[in-house]
Amino acid sequence: MVKVLVVYYSLTGNTKMIAENIAESIDSDILELKPVKELDAESGMKYVWGGFQATMKQKPKLKEFDINPLDYELIILGTPVWAWTISPPIRSFLSKFKLSGKKVALWTCSGGDGVRAMKQFREALKDINIVGEIRFKEPKQYESDKAKEQARVWAKKLIEKL
């Protein structure tokens, strides 16, 4: 059996909902990235500060975690889209761990179509074996049951391909 880790960052819960469904459907380990200094999810300023951090490609310091992602064969990465790109905590994770030699799958949660952000996600992982990708549009707000099922089906197909 392939050793799988779902890694994600979520500020408002959309990405967390998808991450939990993916991990549960394939019985994988899960790692939620948490910045040392988190934005206030309830504040209207989250868009200003989050967008600024994303645009400037900032890499906030992450809280320590006791999982070594390099111990896994497949890493399924999820991020919300901020200012048409990946979230700063995911950027921090990617700068800390060199995933060459790993199989990686990507997903995003966004208010728009997320196409540009997915392209940038792939570019941040150039020379990495990307085995799958999927985008979700505000899964908590729109057809959450359908999004959950899509996530489960996608994850199971990833495993079957390996």
C-alpha atoms as a PDB file:
ATOM      1  CA  MET A   1       0.000   0.000   0.000  1.00  0.00           C
ATOM      2  CA  VAL A   2       1.239   3.471  -0.895  1.00  0.00           C
ATOM      3  CA  LYS A   3       1.995   5.745   2.042  1.00  0.00           C
ATOM      4  CA  VAL A   4      -0.063   8.937   1.501  1.00  0.00           C
ATOM      5  CA  LEU A   5      -0.106  12.307   3.237  1.00  0.00           C
ATOM      6  CA  VAL A   6      -2.717  15.014   2.678  1.00  0.00           C
ATOM      7  CA  VAL A   7      -1.182  18.443   3.366  1.00  0.00           C
ATOM      8  CA  TYR A   8      -3.311  21.557   3.352  1.00  0.00           C
ATOM      9  CA  TYR A   9      -3.816  25.077   4.598  1.00  0.00           C
ATOM     10  CA  SER A  10      -7.287  26.505   5.226  1.00  0.00           C
ATOM     11  CA  LEU A  11      -8.359  29.881   6.595  1.00  0.00           C
ATOM     12  CA  THR A  12     -12.136  29.719   6.107  1.00  0.00           C
ATOM     13  CA  GLY A  13     -12.736  25.956   6.121  1.00  0.00           C
ATOM     14  CA  ASN A  14     -13.246  25.200   2.411  1.00  0.00           C
ATOM     15  CA  THR A  15      -9.870  23.549   1.932  1.00  0.00           C
ATOM     16  CA  LYS A  16     -10.144  21.794   5.309  1.00  0.00           C
ATOM     17  CA  MET A  17     -13.483  20.227   4.305  1.00  0.00           C
ATOM     18  CA  ILE A  18     -11.970  18.835   1.104  1.00  0.00           C
ATOM     19  CA  ALA A  19      -8.783  17.674   2.881  1.00  0.00           C
ATOM     20  CA  GLU A  20     -10.728  15.727   5.484  1.00  0.00           C
ATOM     21  CA  ASN A  21     -12.849  14.038   2.809  1.00  0.00           C
ATOM     22  CA  ILE A  22      -9.798  13.079   0.771  1.00  0.00           C
ATOM     23  CA  ALA A  23      -7.917  11.692   3.779  1.00  0.00           C
ATOM     24  CA  GLU A  24     -10.932   9.768   5.051  1.00  0.00           C
ATOM     25  CA  SER A  25     -11.716   8.257   1.652  1.00  0.00           C
ATOM     26  CA  ILE A  26      -8.237   6.784   1.192  1.00  0.00           C
ATOM     27  CA  ASP A  27      -7.342   6.314   4.873  1.00  0.00           C
ATOM     28  CA  SER A  28      -4.287   8.577   4.690  1.00  0.00           C
ATOM     29  CA  ASP A  29      -2.481  10.720   7.207  1.00  0.00           C
ATOM     30  CA  ILE A  30      -3.333  14.419   7.219  1.00  0.00           C
ATOM     31  CA  LEU A  31      -1.340  17.548   8.046  1.00  0.00           C
ATOM     32  CA  GLU A  32      -2.903  20.977   8.493  1.00  0.00           C
ATOM     33  CA  LEU A  33      -0.395  23.789   8.055  1.00  0.00           C
ATOM     34  CA  LYS A  34      -0.773  26.603  10.572  1.00  0.00           C
ATOM     35  CA  PRO A  35       1.139  29.871  10.371  1.00  0.00           C
ATOM     36  CA  VAL A  36       2.626  31.149  13.626  1.00  0.00           C
ATOM     37  CA  LYS A  37       0.799  34.424  12.940  1.00  0.00           C
ATOM     38  CA  GLU A  38      -2.599  33.652  11.408  1.00  0.00           C
ATOM     39  CA  LEU A  39      -4.924  36.100   9.684  1.00  0.00           C
ATOM     40  CA  ASP A  40      -8.323  36.713  11.267  1.00  0.00           C
ATOM     41  CA  ALA A  41     -10.795  34.707   9.195  1.00  0.00           C
ATOM     42  CA  GLU A  42     -13.659  36.927  10.381  1.00  0.00           C
ATOM     43  CA  SER A  43     -12.010  40.212   9.393  1.00  0.00           C
ATOM     44  CA  GLY A  44     -12.678  41.954   6.096  1.00  0.00           C
ATOM     45  CA  MET A  45      -8.973  42.811   6.105  1.00  0.00           C
ATOM     46  CA  LYS A  46      -8.097  39.142   5.491  1.00  0.00           C
ATOM     47  CA  TYR A  47      -8.480  39.816   1.776  1.00  0.00           C
ATOM     48  CA  VAL A  48      -6.161  42.812   1.859  1.00  0.00           C
ATOM     49  CA  TRP A  49      -3.449  41.198   3.995  1.00  0.00           C
ATOM     50  CA  GLY A  50      -3.829  37.737   2.476  1.00  0.00           C
ATOM     51  CA  GLY A  51      -3.755  39.141  -1.046  1.00  0.00           C
ATOM     52  CA  PHE A  52      -0.679  41.209  -0.215  1.00  0.00           C
ATOM     53  CA  GLN A  53       1.146  38.203   1.246  1.00  0.00           C
ATOM     54  CA  ALA A  54       0.220  36.021  -1.735  1.00  0.00           C
ATOM     55  CA  THR A  55       1.163  38.649  -4.333  1.00  0.00           C
ATOM     56  CA  MET A  56       4.499  39.295  -2.629  1.00  0.00           C
ATOM     57  CA  LYS A  57       5.127  35.513  -2.475  1.00  0.00           C
ATOM     58  CA  GLN A  58       5.666  35.695   1.264  1.00  0.00           C
ATOM     59  CA  LYS A  59       6.501  32.569   3.230  1.00  0.00           C
ATOM     60  CA  PRO A  60       5.193  32.874   6.795  1.00  0.00           C
ATOM     61  CA  LYS A  61       6.766  30.832   9.556  1.00  0.00           C
ATOM     62  CA  LEU A  62       4.724  27.704  10.189  1.00  0.00           C
ATOM     63  CA  LYS A  63       3.950  26.149  13.557  1.00  0.00           C
ATOM     64  CA  GLU A  64       5.988  23.022  14.164  1.00  0.00           C
ATOM     65  CA  PHE A  65       4.492  19.646  13.284  1.00  0.00           C
ATOM     66  CA  ASP A  66       5.596  16.113  14.045  1.00  0.00           C
ATOM     67  CA  ILE A  67       5.061  14.564  10.614  1.00  0.00           C
ATOM     68  CA  ASN A  68       7.918  14.274   8.130  1.00  0.00           C
ATOM     69  CA  PRO A  69       6.343  14.673   4.679  1.00  0.00           C
ATOM     70  CA  LEU A  70       9.416  13.121   3.076  1.00  0.00           C
ATOM     71  CA  ASP A  71       8.443   9.772   4.653  1.00  0.00           C
ATOM     72  CA  TYR A  72       5.488   9.549   2.231  1.00  0.00           C
ATOM     73  CA  GLU A  73       5.356   8.323  -1.370  1.00  0.00           C
ATOM     74  CA  LEU A  74       2.349  10.438  -2.387  1.00  0.00           C
ATOM     75  CA  ILE A  75       1.661  13.926  -1.083  1.00  0.00           C
ATOM     76  CA  ILE A  76      -1.730  15.460  -1.850  1.00  0.00           C
ATOM     77  CA  LEU A  77      -1.452  19.240  -1.480  1.00  0.00           C
ATOM     78  CA  GLY A  78      -4.403  21.582  -1.064  1.00  0.00           C
ATOM     79  CA  THR A  79      -4.553  25.358  -0.947  1.00  0.00           C
ATOM     80  CA  PRO A  80      -7.073  28.145  -1.060  1.00  0.00           C
ATOM     81  CA  VAL A  81      -6.529  30.607  -3.889  1.00  0.00           C
ATOM     82  CA  TRP A  82      -5.449  34.047  -2.726  1.00  0.00           C
ATOM     83  CA  ALA A  83      -4.981  36.830  -5.280  1.00  0.00           C
ATOM     84  CA  TRP A  84      -4.989  34.269  -8.125  1.00  0.00           C
ATOM     85  CA  THR A  85      -2.138  32.223  -6.630  1.00  0.00           C
ATOM     86  CA  ILE A  86      -1.328  29.667  -3.925  1.00  0.00           C
ATOM     87  CA  SER A  87      -1.574  30.639  -0.263  1.00  0.00           C
ATOM     88  CA  PRO A  88       1.557  31.796   1.585  1.00  0.00           C
ATOM     89  CA  PRO A  89       1.546  28.849   4.057  1.00  0.00           C
ATOM     90  CA  ILE A  90       1.680  26.386   1.136  1.00  0.00           C
ATOM     91  CA  ARG A  91       4.538  28.426  -0.340  1.00  0.00           C
ATOM     92  CA  SER A  92       6.319  28.098   3.048  1.00  0.00           C
ATOM     93  CA  PHE A  93       5.802  24.339   3.012  1.00  0.00           C
ATOM     94  CA  LEU A  94       7.149  24.028  -0.541  1.00  0.00           C
ATOM     95  CA  SER A  95      10.250  26.048   0.346  1.00  0.00           C
ATOM     96  CA  LYS A  96      10.916  23.870   3.403  1.00  0.00           C
ATOM     97  CA  PHE A  97      10.464  20.455   1.774  1.00  0.00           C
ATOM     98  CA  LYS A  98      12.009  19.446  -1.535  1.00  0.00           C
ATOM     99  CA  LEU A  99       9.526  17.016  -3.013  1.00  0.00           C
ATOM    100  CA  SER A 100      11.652  15.709  -5.870  1.00  0.00           C
ATOM    101  CA  GLY A 101      11.230  11.969  -6.179  1.00  0.00           C
ATOM    102  CA  LYS A 102       7.730  12.137  -4.679  1.00  0.00           C
ATOM    103  CA  LYS A 103       4.429  11.772  -6.425  1.00  0.00           C
ATOM    104  CA  VAL A 104       2.325  14.880  -5.812  1.00  0.00           C
ATOM    105  CA  ALA A 105      -1.332  15.670  -6.459  1.00  0.00           C
ATOM    106  CA  LEU A 106      -2.783  19.184  -6.223  1.00  0.00           C
ATOM    107  CA  TRP A 107      -6.121  20.741  -5.429  1.00  0.00           C
ATOM    108  CA  THR A 108      -7.330  24.289  -4.951  1.00  0.00           C
ATOM    109  CA  CYS A 109     -10.424  25.936  -3.497  1.00  0.00           C
ATOM    110  CA  SER A 110     -11.388  29.307  -4.911  1.00  0.00           C
ATOM    111  CA  GLY A 111     -14.151  31.799  -5.542  1.00  0.00           C
ATOM    112  CA  GLY A 112     -13.365  31.885  -9.258  1.00  0.00           C
ATOM    113  CA  ASP A 113     -12.336  29.159 -11.664  1.00  0.00           C
ATOM    114  CA  GLY A 114      -8.835  28.771 -10.150  1.00  0.00           C
ATOM    115  CA  VAL A 115      -7.160  28.070 -13.502  1.00  0.00           C
ATOM    116  CA  ARG A 116      -4.424  30.693 -13.087  1.00  0.00           C
ATOM    117  CA  ALA A 117      -3.699  29.590  -9.520  1.00  0.00           C
ATOM    118  CA  MET A 118      -3.401  25.931 -10.566  1.00  0.00           C
ATOM    119  CA  LYS A 119      -0.928  26.932 -13.263  1.00  0.00           C
ATOM    120  CA  GLN A 120       1.154  28.759 -10.641  1.00  0.00           C
ATOM    121  CA  PHE A 121       0.846  25.772  -8.285  1.00  0.00           C
ATOM    122  CA  ARG A 122       2.317  23.531 -11.013  1.00  0.00           C
ATOM    123  CA  GLU A 123       5.071  26.075 -11.710  1.00  0.00           C
ATOM    124  CA  ALA A 124       6.006  26.123  -8.008  1.00  0.00           C
ATOM    125  CA  LEU A 125       6.488  22.363  -8.332  1.00  0.00           C
ATOM    126  CA  LYS A 126       8.331  22.203 -11.641  1.00  0.00           C
ATOM    127  CA  ASP A 127      10.391  19.028 -12.032  1.00  0.00           C
ATOM    128  CA  ILE A 128       8.030  17.223  -9.632  1.00  0.00           C
ATOM    129  CA  ASN A 129       5.928  14.237 -10.700  1.00  0.00           C
ATOM    130  CA  ILE A 130       2.391  15.669 -10.522  1.00  0.00           C
ATOM    131  CA  VAL A 131      -0.012  12.750 -10.774  1.00  0.00           C
ATOM    132  CA  GLY A 132      -3.311  14.628 -10.561  1.00  0.00           C
ATOM    133  CA  GLU A 133      -5.059  17.916  -9.984  1.00  0.00           C
ATOM    134  CA  ILE A 134      -8.569  19.172  -9.309  1.00  0.00           C
ATOM    135  CA  ARG A 135     -10.192  22.521  -8.523  1.00  0.00           C
ATOM    136  CA  PHE A 136     -13.157  23.237  -6.259  1.00  0.00           C
ATOM    137  CA  LYS A 137     -15.257  26.392  -6.320  1.00  0.00           C
ATOM    138  CA  GLU A 138     -16.266  27.458  -2.794  1.00  0.00           C
ATOM    139  CA  PRO A 139     -17.172  23.904  -1.771  1.00  0.00           C
ATOM    140  CA  LYS A 140     -18.712  24.869   1.589  1.00  0.00           C
ATOM    141  CA  GLN A 141     -21.076  27.359  -0.025  1.00  0.00           C
ATOM    142  CA  TYR A 142     -22.103  25.571  -3.239  1.00  0.00           C
ATOM    143  CA  GLU A 143     -23.160  21.954  -3.424  1.00  0.00           C
ATOM    144  CA  SER A 144     -20.904  20.812  -0.587  1.00  0.00           C
ATOM    145  CA  ASP A 145     -22.110  17.197  -0.812  1.00  0.00           C
ATOM    146  CA  LYS A 146     -21.223  17.117  -4.506  1.00  0.00           C
ATOM    147  CA  ALA A 147     -17.767  18.610  -3.784  1.00  0.00           C
ATOM    148  CA  LYS A 148     -17.129  16.075  -1.034  1.00  0.00           C
ATOM    149  CA  GLU A 149     -18.052  13.222  -3.348  1.00  0.00           C
ATOM    150  CA  GLN A 150     -15.859  14.653  -6.134  1.00  0.00           C
ATOM    151  CA  ALA A 151     -12.938  14.819  -3.698  1.00  0.00           C
ATOM    152  CA  ARG A 152     -13.446  11.213  -2.587  1.00  0.00           C
ATOM    153  CA  VAL A 153     -13.726   9.877  -6.138  1.00  0.00           C
ATOM    154  CA  TRP A 154     -10.662  11.868  -7.272  1.00  0.00           C
ATOM    155  CA  ALA A 155      -8.554  10.623  -4.350  1.00  0.00           C
ATOM    156  CA  LYS A 156      -9.501   6.993  -4.924  1.00  0.00           C
ATOM    157  CA  LYS A 157      -8.610   7.296  -8.618  1.00  0.00           C
ATOM    158  CA  LEU A 158      -5.212   8.722  -7.664  1.00  0.00           C
ATOM    159  CA  ILE A 159      -4.505   5.688  -5.506  1.00  0.00           C
ATOM    160  CA  GLU A 160      -5.690   3.272  -8.191  1.00  0.00           C
ATOM    161  CA  LYS A 161      -3.272   4.815 -10.721  1.00  0.00           C
ATOM    162  CA  LEU A 162      -0.236   4.267  -8.499  1.00  0.00           C
END
